[in-house]
Amino acid sequence: MGPFFDVLMAAVVFSAIYGVIRLVVHRKERLIMIEKGTNMPEIKNEGLSFSSLKFGIFFIGIGLGVLAANILSVTTKLDTEVAYFSMVFLFGGLSLVIHHLIEGKSK
């Protein structure tokens, strides 16, 4: 497809591997704590309520960035890789700023 999609696919694969390893390690830590009889730390719900909102807004921003990059690369003489990288980072960053503003207003 192109260099952008190759980099994106590599990032997805490494992120998935990292996530699986982290889940396995976290589960083993919890099992060891249960076996020893120590108190398990309480999970705070404060951070969890905004994490799904953050990822949702971020992925919407990435999607809009890919769409805008496609429109830019088709309608202008801008290089395809430059259009994709710039729009994905621009819209991804804007989505994180929007999340920060929403989270700040709700507290």
PDB file of N, CA and C in Angstrom:
ATOM      1  N   MET A   1       0.819  -1.196   0.000  1.00  0.00           N
ATOM      2  CA  MET A   1       0.000   0.000   0.000  1.00  0.00           C
ATOM      3  C   MET A   1       0.858   1.253   0.000  1.00  0.00           C
ATOM      4  N   GLY A   2       1.839   1.292   0.867  1.00  0.00           N
ATOM      5  CA  GLY A   2       2.690   2.461   0.921  1.00  0.00           C
ATOM      6  C   GLY A   2       3.492   2.465   2.206  1.00  0.00           C
ATOM      7  N   PRO A   3       4.453   3.366   2.292  1.00  0.00           N
ATOM      8  CA  PRO A   3       5.305   3.390   3.481  1.00  0.00           C
ATOM      9  C   PRO A   3       4.546   3.768   4.756  1.00  0.00           C
ATOM     10  N   PHE A   4       3.518   4.598   4.635  1.00  0.00           N
ATOM     11  CA  PHE A   4       2.750   4.978   5.820  1.00  0.00           C
ATOM     12  C   PHE A   4       2.064   3.766   6.427  1.00  0.00           C
ATOM     13  N   PHE A   5       1.460   2.961   5.587  1.00  0.00           N
ATOM     14  CA  PHE A   5       0.751   1.796   6.088  1.00  0.00           C
ATOM     15  C   PHE A   5       1.709   0.739   6.620  1.00  0.00           C
ATOM     16  N   ASP A   6       2.912   0.651   6.057  1.00  0.00           N
ATOM     17  CA  ASP A   6       3.917  -0.264   6.592  1.00  0.00           C
ATOM     18  C   ASP A   6       4.332   0.145   8.002  1.00  0.00           C
ATOM     19  N   VAL A   7       4.561   1.426   8.199  1.00  0.00           N
ATOM     20  CA  VAL A   7       4.931   1.932   9.522  1.00  0.00           C
ATOM     21  C   VAL A   7       3.770   1.762  10.490  1.00  0.00           C
ATOM     22  N   LEU A   8       2.561   2.051  10.036  1.00  0.00           N
ATOM     23  CA  LEU A   8       1.378   1.899  10.879  1.00  0.00           C
ATOM     24  C   LEU A   8       1.184   0.439  11.284  1.00  0.00           C
ATOM     25  N   MET A   9       1.365  -0.477  10.358  1.00  0.00           N
ATOM     26  CA  MET A   9       1.198  -1.899  10.660  1.00  0.00           C
ATOM     27  C   MET A   9       2.260  -2.366  11.649  1.00  0.00           C
ATOM     28  N   ALA A  10       3.491  -1.901  11.494  1.00  0.00           N
ATOM     29  CA  ALA A  10       4.544  -2.264  12.446  1.00  0.00           C
ATOM     30  C   ALA A  10       4.224  -1.727  13.838  1.00  0.00           C
ATOM     31  N   ALA A  11       3.713  -0.511  13.905  1.00  0.00           N
ATOM     32  CA  ALA A  11       3.345   0.064  15.201  1.00  0.00           C
ATOM     33  C   ALA A  11       2.212  -0.715  15.846  1.00  0.00           C
ATOM     34  N   VAL A  12       1.249  -1.143  15.069  1.00  0.00           N
ATOM     35  CA  VAL A  12       0.129  -1.924  15.607  1.00  0.00           C
ATOM     36  C   VAL A  12       0.611  -3.267  16.125  1.00  0.00           C
ATOM     37  N   VAL A  13       1.491  -3.923  15.381  1.00  0.00           N
ATOM     38  CA  VAL A  13       2.005  -5.231  15.805  1.00  0.00           C
ATOM     39  C   VAL A  13       2.795  -5.096  17.105  1.00  0.00           C
ATOM     40  N   PHE A  14       3.693  -4.125  17.189  1.00  0.00           N
ATOM     41  CA  PHE A  14       4.487  -3.960  18.401  1.00  0.00           C
ATOM     42  C   PHE A  14       3.618  -3.528  19.585  1.00  0.00           C
ATOM     43  N   SER A  15       2.603  -2.714  19.328  1.00  0.00           N
ATOM     44  CA  SER A  15       1.685  -2.328  20.403  1.00  0.00           C
ATOM     45  C   SER A  15       0.904  -3.526  20.920  1.00  0.00           C
ATOM     46  N   ALA A  16       0.480  -4.387  20.027  1.00  0.00           N
ATOM     47  CA  ALA A  16      -0.255  -5.584  20.443  1.00  0.00           C
ATOM     48  C   ALA A  16       0.636  -6.516  21.260  1.00  0.00           C
ATOM     49  N   ILE A  17       1.872  -6.698  20.828  1.00  0.00           N
ATOM     50  CA  ILE A  17       2.807  -7.542  21.579  1.00  0.00           C
ATOM     51  C   ILE A  17       3.045  -6.955  22.968  1.00  0.00           C
ATOM     52  N   TYR A  18       3.258  -5.652  23.045  1.00  0.00           N
ATOM     53  CA  TYR A  18       3.467  -4.992  24.332  1.00  0.00           C
ATOM     54  C   TYR A  18       2.241  -5.155  25.231  1.00  0.00           C
ATOM     55  N   GLY A  19       1.067  -4.985  24.673  1.00  0.00           N
ATOM     56  CA  GLY A  19      -0.157  -5.106  25.456  1.00  0.00           C
ATOM     57  C   GLY A  19      -0.348  -6.505  26.018  1.00  0.00           C
ATOM     58  N   VAL A  20      -0.074  -7.512  25.213  1.00  0.00           N
ATOM     59  CA  VAL A  20      -0.220  -8.888  25.684  1.00  0.00           C
ATOM     60  C   VAL A  20       0.789  -9.186  26.788  1.00  0.00           C
ATOM     61  N   ILE A  21       2.032  -8.770  26.609  1.00  0.00           N
ATOM     62  CA  ILE A  21       3.053  -9.000  27.637  1.00  0.00           C
ATOM     63  C   ILE A  21       2.679  -8.277  28.921  1.00  0.00           C
ATOM     64  N   ARG A  22       2.187  -7.055  28.813  1.00  0.00           N
ATOM     65  CA  ARG A  22       1.803  -6.309  30.012  1.00  0.00           C
ATOM     66  C   ARG A  22       0.639  -6.979  30.749  1.00  0.00           C
ATOM     67  N   LEU A  23      -0.329  -7.483  29.996  1.00  0.00           N
ATOM     68  CA  LEU A  23      -1.449  -8.183  30.631  1.00  0.00           C
ATOM     69  C   LEU A  23      -0.994  -9.443  31.356  1.00  0.00           C
ATOM     70  N   VAL A  24      -0.098 -10.192  30.740  1.00  0.00           N
ATOM     71  CA  VAL A  24       0.396 -11.418  31.367  1.00  0.00           C
ATOM     72  C   VAL A  24       1.157 -11.094  32.646  1.00  0.00           C
ATOM     73  N   VAL A  25       2.028 -10.103  32.602  1.00  0.00           N
ATOM     74  CA  VAL A  25       2.812  -9.728  33.778  1.00  0.00           C
ATOM     75  C   VAL A  25       1.893  -9.208  34.879  1.00  0.00           C
ATOM     76  N   HIS A  26       0.914  -8.392  34.526  1.00  0.00           N
ATOM     77  CA  HIS A  26      -0.015  -7.843  35.518  1.00  0.00           C
ATOM     78  C   HIS A  26      -0.822  -8.961  36.181  1.00  0.00           C
ATOM     79  N   ARG A  27      -1.238  -9.921  35.395  1.00  0.00           N
ATOM     80  CA  ARG A  27      -2.010 -11.035  35.954  1.00  0.00           C
ATOM     81  C   ARG A  27      -1.157 -11.861  36.917  1.00  0.00           C
ATOM     82  N   LYS A  28       0.093 -12.108  36.549  1.00  0.00           N
ATOM     83  CA  LYS A  28       0.979 -12.870  37.447  1.00  0.00           C
ATOM     84  C   LYS A  28       1.221 -12.109  38.743  1.00  0.00           C
ATOM     85  N   GLU A  29       1.398 -10.807  38.664  1.00  0.00           N
ATOM     86  CA  GLU A  29       1.588 -10.003  39.875  1.00  0.00           C
ATOM     87  C   GLU A  29       0.376 -10.097  40.792  1.00  0.00           C
ATOM     88  N   ARG A  30      -0.801 -10.021  40.225  1.00  0.00           N
ATOM     89  CA  ARG A  30      -2.021 -10.116  41.031  1.00  0.00           C
ATOM     90  C   ARG A  30      -2.157 -11.494  41.668  1.00  0.00           C
ATOM     91  N   LEU A  31      -1.814 -12.548  40.927  1.00  0.00           N
ATOM     92  CA  LEU A  31      -1.895 -13.899  41.488  1.00  0.00           C
ATOM     93  C   LEU A  31      -0.906 -14.073  42.636  1.00  0.00           C
ATOM     94  N   ILE A  32       0.292 -13.531  42.497  1.00  0.00           N
ATOM     95  CA  ILE A  32       1.287 -13.612  43.571  1.00  0.00           C
ATOM     96  C   ILE A  32       0.795 -12.857  44.800  1.00  0.00           C
ATOM     97  N   MET A  33       0.191 -11.687  44.611  1.00  0.00           N
ATOM     98  CA  MET A  33      -0.330 -10.914  45.740  1.00  0.00           C
ATOM     99  C   MET A  33      -1.456 -11.669  46.441  1.00  0.00           C
ATOM    100  N   ILE A  34      -2.309 -12.352  45.682  1.00  0.00           N
ATOM    101  CA  ILE A  34      -3.393 -13.117  46.284  1.00  0.00           C
ATOM    102  C   ILE A  34      -2.838 -14.297  47.076  1.00  0.00           C
ATOM    103  N   GLU A  35      -1.827 -14.966  46.510  1.00  0.00           N
ATOM    104  CA  GLU A  35      -1.227 -16.114  47.200  1.00  0.00           C
ATOM    105  C   GLU A  35      -0.568 -15.694  48.511  1.00  0.00           C
ATOM    106  N   LYS A  36       0.072 -14.538  48.527  1.00  0.00           N
ATOM    107  CA  LYS A  36       0.733 -14.057  49.745  1.00  0.00           C
ATOM    108  C   LYS A  36      -0.257 -13.500  50.752  1.00  0.00           C
ATOM    109  N   GLY A  37      -1.461 -13.200  50.325  1.00  0.00           N
ATOM    110  CA  GLY A  37      -2.474 -12.669  51.216  1.00  0.00           C
ATOM    111  C   GLY A  37      -2.353 -11.183  51.472  1.00  0.00           C
ATOM    112  N   THR A  38      -1.602 -10.489  50.666  1.00  0.00           N
ATOM    113  CA  THR A  38      -1.463  -9.046  50.849  1.00  0.00           C
ATOM    114  C   THR A  38      -2.688  -8.335  50.290  1.00  0.00           C
ATOM    115  N   ASN A  39      -2.896  -7.127  50.761  1.00  0.00           N
ATOM    116  CA  ASN A  39      -4.020  -6.333  50.272  1.00  0.00           C
ATOM    117  C   ASN A  39      -3.732  -5.862  48.859  1.00  0.00           C
ATOM    118  N   MET A  40      -4.710  -6.032  48.013  1.00  0.00           N
ATOM    119  CA  MET A  40      -4.556  -5.577  46.637  1.00  0.00           C
ATOM    120  C   MET A  40      -4.893  -4.093  46.591  1.00  0.00           C
ATOM    121  N   PRO A  41      -4.118  -3.322  45.866  1.00  0.00           N
ATOM    122  CA  PRO A  41      -4.415  -1.885  45.804  1.00  0.00           C
ATOM    123  C   PRO A  41      -5.774  -1.651  45.146  1.00  0.00           C
ATOM    124  N   GLU A  42      -6.460  -0.671  45.665  1.00  0.00           N
ATOM    125  CA  GLU A  42      -7.766  -0.336  45.116  1.00  0.00           C
ATOM    126  C   GLU A  42      -7.593   0.318  43.747  1.00  0.00           C
ATOM    127  N   ILE A  43      -8.445  -0.056  42.850  1.00  0.00           N
ATOM    128  CA  ILE A  43      -8.404   0.519  41.510  1.00  0.00           C
ATOM    129  C   ILE A  43      -9.224   1.802  41.530  1.00  0.00           C
ATOM    130  N   LYS A  44      -8.609   2.884  41.121  1.00  0.00           N
ATOM    131  CA  LYS A  44      -9.292   4.170  41.116  1.00  0.00           C
ATOM    132  C   LYS A  44     -10.140   4.279  39.850  1.00  0.00           C
ATOM    133  N   ASN A  45     -11.379   4.615  40.009  1.00  0.00           N
ATOM    134  CA  ASN A  45     -12.271   4.761  38.870  1.00  0.00           C
ATOM    135  C   ASN A  45     -12.170   6.143  38.232  1.00  0.00           C
ATOM    136  N   GLU A  46     -11.466   7.058  38.898  1.00  0.00           N
ATOM    137  CA  GLU A  46     -11.375   8.412  38.363  1.00  0.00           C
ATOM    138  C   GLU A  46     -10.663   8.439  37.017  1.00  0.00           C
ATOM    139  N   GLY A  47      -9.533   7.741  36.904  1.00  0.00           N
ATOM    140  CA  GLY A  47      -8.771   7.744  35.666  1.00  0.00           C
ATOM    141  C   GLY A  47      -9.397   6.898  34.584  1.00  0.00           C
ATOM    142  N   LEU A  48     -10.176   5.899  34.979  1.00  0.00           N
ATOM    143  CA  LEU A  48     -10.763   5.007  33.998  1.00  0.00           C
ATOM    144  C   LEU A  48     -11.901   5.656  33.228  1.00  0.00           C
ATOM    145  N   SER A  49     -12.587   6.600  33.824  1.00  0.00           N
ATOM    146  CA  SER A  49     -13.744   7.179  33.156  1.00  0.00           C
ATOM    147  C   SER A  49     -13.344   7.995  31.930  1.00  0.00           C
ATOM    148  N   PHE A  50     -12.181   8.602  31.952  1.00  0.00           N
ATOM    149  CA  PHE A  50     -11.770   9.426  30.827  1.00  0.00           C
ATOM    150  C   PHE A  50     -10.846   8.695  29.854  1.00  0.00           C
ATOM    151  N   SER A  51     -10.374   7.513  30.193  1.00  0.00           N
ATOM    152  CA  SER A  51      -9.452   6.837  29.294  1.00  0.00           C
ATOM    153  C   SER A  51     -10.155   6.396  28.017  1.00  0.00           C
ATOM    154  N   SER A  52     -11.374   5.904  28.122  1.00  0.00           N
ATOM    155  CA  SER A  52     -12.084   5.500  26.906  1.00  0.00           C
ATOM    156  C   SER A  52     -12.455   6.722  26.073  1.00  0.00           C
ATOM    157  N   LEU A  53     -12.782   7.817  26.736  1.00  0.00           N
ATOM    158  CA  LEU A  53     -13.071   9.050  26.000  1.00  0.00           C
ATOM    159  C   LEU A  53     -11.827   9.538  25.260  1.00  0.00           C
ATOM    160  N   LYS A  54     -10.675   9.465  25.936  1.00  0.00           N
ATOM    161  CA  LYS A  54      -9.430   9.910  25.310  1.00  0.00           C
ATOM    162  C   LYS A  54      -9.111   9.090  24.073  1.00  0.00           C
ATOM    163  N   PHE A  55      -9.215   7.759  24.195  1.00  0.00           N
ATOM    164  CA  PHE A  55      -8.906   6.914  23.049  1.00  0.00           C
ATOM    165  C   PHE A  55      -9.939   7.077  21.938  1.00  0.00           C
ATOM    166  N   GLY A  56     -11.193   7.254  22.300  1.00  0.00           N
ATOM    167  CA  GLY A  56     -12.218   7.465  21.287  1.00  0.00           C
ATOM    168  C   GLY A  56     -11.988   8.730  20.492  1.00  0.00           C
ATOM    169  N   ILE A  57     -11.737   9.817  21.196  1.00  0.00           N
ATOM    170  CA  ILE A  57     -11.480  11.087  20.516  1.00  0.00           C
ATOM    171  C   ILE A  57     -10.188  11.008  19.702  1.00  0.00           C
ATOM    172  N   PHE A  58      -9.175  10.317  20.255  1.00  0.00           N
ATOM    173  CA  PHE A  58      -7.899  10.196  19.542  1.00  0.00           C
ATOM    174  C   PHE A  58      -8.067   9.421  18.231  1.00  0.00           C
ATOM    175  N   PHE A  59      -8.792   8.312  18.274  1.00  0.00           N
ATOM    176  CA  PHE A  59      -8.968   7.521  17.055  1.00  0.00           C
ATOM    177  C   PHE A  59      -9.865   8.229  16.044  1.00  0.00           C
ATOM    178  N   ILE A  60     -10.822   9.006  16.514  1.00  0.00           N
ATOM    179  CA  ILE A  60     -11.616   9.822  15.596  1.00  0.00           C
ATOM    180  C   ILE A  60     -10.712  10.855  14.921  1.00  0.00           C
ATOM    181  N   GLY A  61      -9.800  11.457  15.706  1.00  0.00           N
ATOM    182  CA  GLY A  61      -8.857  12.418  15.137  1.00  0.00           C
ATOM    183  C   GLY A  61      -7.929  11.785  14.113  1.00  0.00           C
ATOM    184  N   ILE A  62      -7.457  10.575  14.409  1.00  0.00           N
ATOM    185  CA  ILE A  62      -6.593   9.870  13.451  1.00  0.00           C
ATOM    186  C   ILE A  62      -7.362   9.575  12.168  1.00  0.00           C
ATOM    187  N   GLY A  63      -8.603   9.128  12.309  1.00  0.00           N
ATOM    188  CA  GLY A  63      -9.426   8.843  11.132  1.00  0.00           C
ATOM    189  C   GLY A  63      -9.667  10.084  10.293  1.00  0.00           C
ATOM    190  N   LEU A  64      -9.958  11.198  10.964  1.00  0.00           N
ATOM    191  CA  LEU A  64     -10.141  12.452  10.232  1.00  0.00           C
ATOM    192  C   LEU A  64      -8.839  12.898   9.570  1.00  0.00           C
ATOM    193  N   GLY A  65      -7.704  12.628  10.231  1.00  0.00           N
ATOM    194  CA  GLY A  65      -6.417  12.966   9.644  1.00  0.00           C
ATOM    195  C   GLY A  65      -6.131  12.172   8.387  1.00  0.00           C
ATOM    196  N   VAL A  66      -6.455  10.881   8.408  1.00  0.00           N
ATOM    197  CA  VAL A  66      -6.261  10.046   7.214  1.00  0.00           C
ATOM    198  C   VAL A  66      -7.178  10.518   6.095  1.00  0.00           C
ATOM    199  N   LEU A  67      -8.416  10.856   6.419  1.00  0.00           N
ATOM    200  CA  LEU A  67      -9.351  11.356   5.422  1.00  0.00           C
ATOM    201  C   LEU A  67      -8.871  12.678   4.825  1.00  0.00           C
ATOM    202  N   ALA A  68      -8.439  13.591   5.691  1.00  0.00           N
ATOM    203  CA  ALA A  68      -7.937  14.880   5.204  1.00  0.00           C
ATOM    204  C   ALA A  68      -6.676  14.701   4.367  1.00  0.00           C
ATOM    205  N   ALA A  69      -5.820  13.761   4.757  1.00  0.00           N
ATOM    206  CA  ALA A  69      -4.599  13.515   3.988  1.00  0.00           C
ATOM    207  C   ALA A  69      -4.926  12.959   2.612  1.00  0.00           C
ATOM    208  N   ASN A  70      -5.904  12.085   2.548  1.00  0.00           N
ATOM    209  CA  ASN A  70      -6.298  11.544   1.247  1.00  0.00           C
ATOM    210  C   ASN A  70      -6.845  12.646   0.354  1.00  0.00           C
ATOM    211  N   ILE A  71      -7.678  13.504   0.915  1.00  0.00           N
ATOM    212  CA  ILE A  71      -8.217  14.618   0.139  1.00  0.00           C
ATOM    213  C   ILE A  71      -7.101  15.552  -0.307  1.00  0.00           C
ATOM    214  N   LEU A  72      -6.141  15.831   0.590  1.00  0.00           N
ATOM    215  CA  LEU A  72      -5.009  16.702   0.239  1.00  0.00           C
ATOM    216  C   LEU A  72      -4.143  16.095  -0.854  1.00  0.00           C
ATOM    217  N   SER A  73      -3.864  14.800  -0.751  1.00  0.00           N
ATOM    218  CA  SER A  73      -2.970  14.183  -1.729  1.00  0.00           C
ATOM    219  C   SER A  73      -3.624  14.064  -3.097  1.00  0.00           C
ATOM    220  N   VAL A  74      -4.957  13.964  -3.137  1.00  0.00           N
ATOM    221  CA  VAL A  74      -5.646  13.856  -4.421  1.00  0.00           C
ATOM    222  C   VAL A  74      -5.827  15.222  -5.064  1.00  0.00           C
ATOM    223  N   THR A  75      -6.146  16.238  -4.272  1.00  0.00           N
ATOM    224  CA  THR A  75      -6.482  17.541  -4.841  1.00  0.00           C
ATOM    225  C   THR A  75      -5.286  18.474  -5.033  1.00  0.00           C
ATOM    226  N   THR A  76      -4.185  18.230  -4.345  1.00  0.00           N
ATOM    227  CA  THR A  76      -3.016  19.104  -4.474  1.00  0.00           C
ATOM    228  C   THR A  76      -1.821  18.300  -4.970  1.00  0.00           C
ATOM    229  N   LYS A  77      -0.725  19.011  -5.185  1.00  0.00           N
ATOM    230  CA  LYS A  77       0.503  18.354  -5.611  1.00  0.00           C
ATOM    231  C   LYS A  77       1.386  17.963  -4.438  1.00  0.00           C
ATOM    232  N   LEU A  78       0.825  17.996  -3.228  1.00  0.00           N
ATOM    233  CA  LEU A  78       1.563  17.639  -2.029  1.00  0.00           C
ATOM    234  C   LEU A  78       1.905  16.155  -2.065  1.00  0.00           C
ATOM    235  N   ASP A  79       3.125  15.828  -1.645  1.00  0.00           N
ATOM    236  CA  ASP A  79       3.575  14.450  -1.631  1.00  0.00           C
ATOM    237  C   ASP A  79       2.681  13.620  -0.711  1.00  0.00           C
ATOM    238  N   THR A  80       2.381  12.393  -1.090  1.00  0.00           N
ATOM    239  CA  THR A  80       1.445  11.554  -0.346  1.00  0.00           C
ATOM    240  C   THR A  80       1.915  11.290   1.077  1.00  0.00           C
ATOM    241  N   GLU A  81       3.199  10.940   1.243  1.00  0.00           N
ATOM    242  CA  GLU A  81       3.716  10.642   2.580  1.00  0.00           C
ATOM    243  C   GLU A  81       3.663  11.867   3.483  1.00  0.00           C
ATOM    244  N   VAL A  82       4.002  13.011   2.928  1.00  0.00           N
ATOM    245  CA  VAL A  82       3.970  14.252   3.707  1.00  0.00           C
ATOM    246  C   VAL A  82       2.540  14.565   4.125  1.00  0.00           C
ATOM    247  N   ALA A  83       1.604  14.391   3.229  1.00  0.00           N
ATOM    248  CA  ALA A  83       0.201  14.664   3.545  1.00  0.00           C
ATOM    249  C   ALA A  83      -0.294  13.745   4.655  1.00  0.00           C
ATOM    250  N   TYR A  84       0.007  12.453   4.541  1.00  0.00           N
ATOM    251  CA  TYR A  84      -0.486  11.506   5.544  1.00  0.00           C
ATOM    252  C   TYR A  84       0.138  11.756   6.910  1.00  0.00           C
ATOM    253  N   PHE A  85       1.449  11.877   6.968  1.00  0.00           N
ATOM    254  CA  PHE A  85       2.102  12.071   8.265  1.00  0.00           C
ATOM    255  C   PHE A  85       1.674  13.392   8.910  1.00  0.00           C
ATOM    256  N   SER A  86       1.628  14.460   8.129  1.00  0.00           N
ATOM    257  CA  SER A  86       1.287  15.751   8.719  1.00  0.00           C
ATOM    258  C   SER A  86      -0.162  15.794   9.195  1.00  0.00           C
ATOM    259  N   MET A  87      -1.073  15.282   8.420  1.00  0.00           N
ATOM    260  CA  MET A  87      -2.483  15.330   8.813  1.00  0.00           C
ATOM    261  C   MET A  87      -2.794  14.387   9.983  1.00  0.00           C
ATOM    262  N   VAL A  88      -2.177  13.213  10.002  1.00  0.00           N
ATOM    263  CA  VAL A  88      -2.412  12.289  11.114  1.00  0.00           C
ATOM    264  C   VAL A  88      -1.898  12.883  12.417  1.00  0.00           C
ATOM    265  N   PHE A  89      -0.692  13.442  12.403  1.00  0.00           N
ATOM    266  CA  PHE A  89      -0.161  14.050  13.617  1.00  0.00           C
ATOM    267  C   PHE A  89      -0.939  15.310  14.003  1.00  0.00           C
ATOM    268  N   LEU A  90      -1.337  16.105  13.026  1.00  0.00           N
ATOM    269  CA  LEU A  90      -2.095  17.315  13.317  1.00  0.00           C
ATOM    270  C   LEU A  90      -3.442  16.984  13.947  1.00  0.00           C
ATOM    271  N   PHE A  91      -4.202  16.106  13.328  1.00  0.00           N
ATOM    272  CA  PHE A  91      -5.515  15.778  13.859  1.00  0.00           C
ATOM    273  C   PHE A  91      -5.426  14.939  15.128  1.00  0.00           C
ATOM    274  N   GLY A  92      -4.426  14.079  15.233  1.00  0.00           N
ATOM    275  CA  GLY A  92      -4.225  13.330  16.473  1.00  0.00           C
ATOM    276  C   GLY A  92      -3.904  14.250  17.634  1.00  0.00           C
ATOM    277  N   GLY A  93      -3.031  15.216  17.417  1.00  0.00           N
ATOM    278  CA  GLY A  93      -2.697  16.184  18.455  1.00  0.00           C
ATOM    279  C   GLY A  93      -3.876  17.060  18.821  1.00  0.00           C
ATOM    280  N   LEU A  94      -4.628  17.500  17.826  1.00  0.00           N
ATOM    281  CA  LEU A  94      -5.821  18.297  18.112  1.00  0.00           C
ATOM    282  C   LEU A  94      -6.839  17.515  18.925  1.00  0.00           C
ATOM    283  N   SER A  95      -6.969  16.235  18.643  1.00  0.00           N
ATOM    284  CA  SER A  95      -7.928  15.438  19.403  1.00  0.00           C
ATOM    285  C   SER A  95      -7.500  15.297  20.859  1.00  0.00           C
ATOM    286  N   LEU A  96      -6.205  15.190  21.115  1.00  0.00           N
ATOM    287  CA  LEU A  96      -5.732  15.114  22.497  1.00  0.00           C
ATOM    288  C   LEU A  96      -5.925  16.440  23.228  1.00  0.00           C
ATOM    289  N   VAL A  97      -5.760  17.549  22.523  1.00  0.00           N
ATOM    290  CA  VAL A  97      -6.017  18.860  23.127  1.00  0.00           C
ATOM    291  C   VAL A  97      -7.502  19.004  23.453  1.00  0.00           C
ATOM    292  N   ILE A  98      -8.368  18.550  22.557  1.00  0.00           N
ATOM    293  CA  ILE A  98      -9.808  18.594  22.805  1.00  0.00           C
ATOM    294  C   ILE A  98     -10.160  17.748  24.018  1.00  0.00           C
ATOM    295  N   HIS A  99      -9.552  16.566  24.129  1.00  0.00           N
ATOM    296  CA  HIS A  99      -9.803  15.722  25.298  1.00  0.00           C
ATOM    297  C   HIS A  99      -9.368  16.425  26.577  1.00  0.00           C
ATOM    298  N   HIS A 100      -8.228  17.082  26.540  1.00  0.00           N
ATOM    299  CA  HIS A 100      -7.739  17.796  27.723  1.00  0.00           C
ATOM    300  C   HIS A 100      -8.723  18.894  28.127  1.00  0.00           C
ATOM    301  N   LEU A 101      -9.253  19.614  27.167  1.00  0.00           N
ATOM    302  CA  LEU A 101     -10.223  20.669  27.462  1.00  0.00           C
ATOM    303  C   LEU A 101     -11.515  20.094  28.037  1.00  0.00           C
ATOM    304  N   ILE A 102     -11.984  18.987  27.487  1.00  0.00           N
ATOM    305  CA  ILE A 102     -13.206  18.353  28.011  1.00  0.00           C
ATOM    306  C   ILE A 102     -12.984  17.834  29.417  1.00  0.00           C
ATOM    307  N   GLU A 103     -11.854  17.211  29.655  1.00  0.00           N
ATOM    308  CA  GLU A 103     -11.558  16.670  30.983  1.00  0.00           C
ATOM    309  C   GLU A 103     -11.395  17.793  32.005  1.00  0.00           C
ATOM    310  N   GLY A 104     -10.803  18.901  31.601  1.00  0.00           N
ATOM    311  CA  GLY A 104     -10.626  20.031  32.505  1.00  0.00           C
ATOM    312  C   GLY A 104     -11.939  20.677  32.900  1.00  0.00           C
ATOM    313  N   LYS A 105     -12.874  20.738  31.972  1.00  0.00           N
ATOM    314  CA  LYS A 105     -14.176  21.345  32.267  1.00  0.00           C
ATOM    315  C   LYS A 105     -15.012  20.482  33.189  1.00  0.00           C
ATOM    316  N   SER A 106     -14.839  19.171  33.123  1.00  0.00           N
ATOM    317  CA  SER A 106     -15.680  18.291  33.928  1.00  0.00           C
ATOM    318  C   SER A 106     -15.208  18.145  35.371  1.00  0.00           C
ATOM    319  N   LYS A 107     -13.992  18.582  35.669  1.00  0.00           N
ATOM    320  CA  LYS A 107     -13.469  18.452  37.036  1.00  0.00           C
ATOM    321  C   LYS A 107     -13.776  19.633  37.869  1.00  0.00           C
TER     322      LYS A 107
END
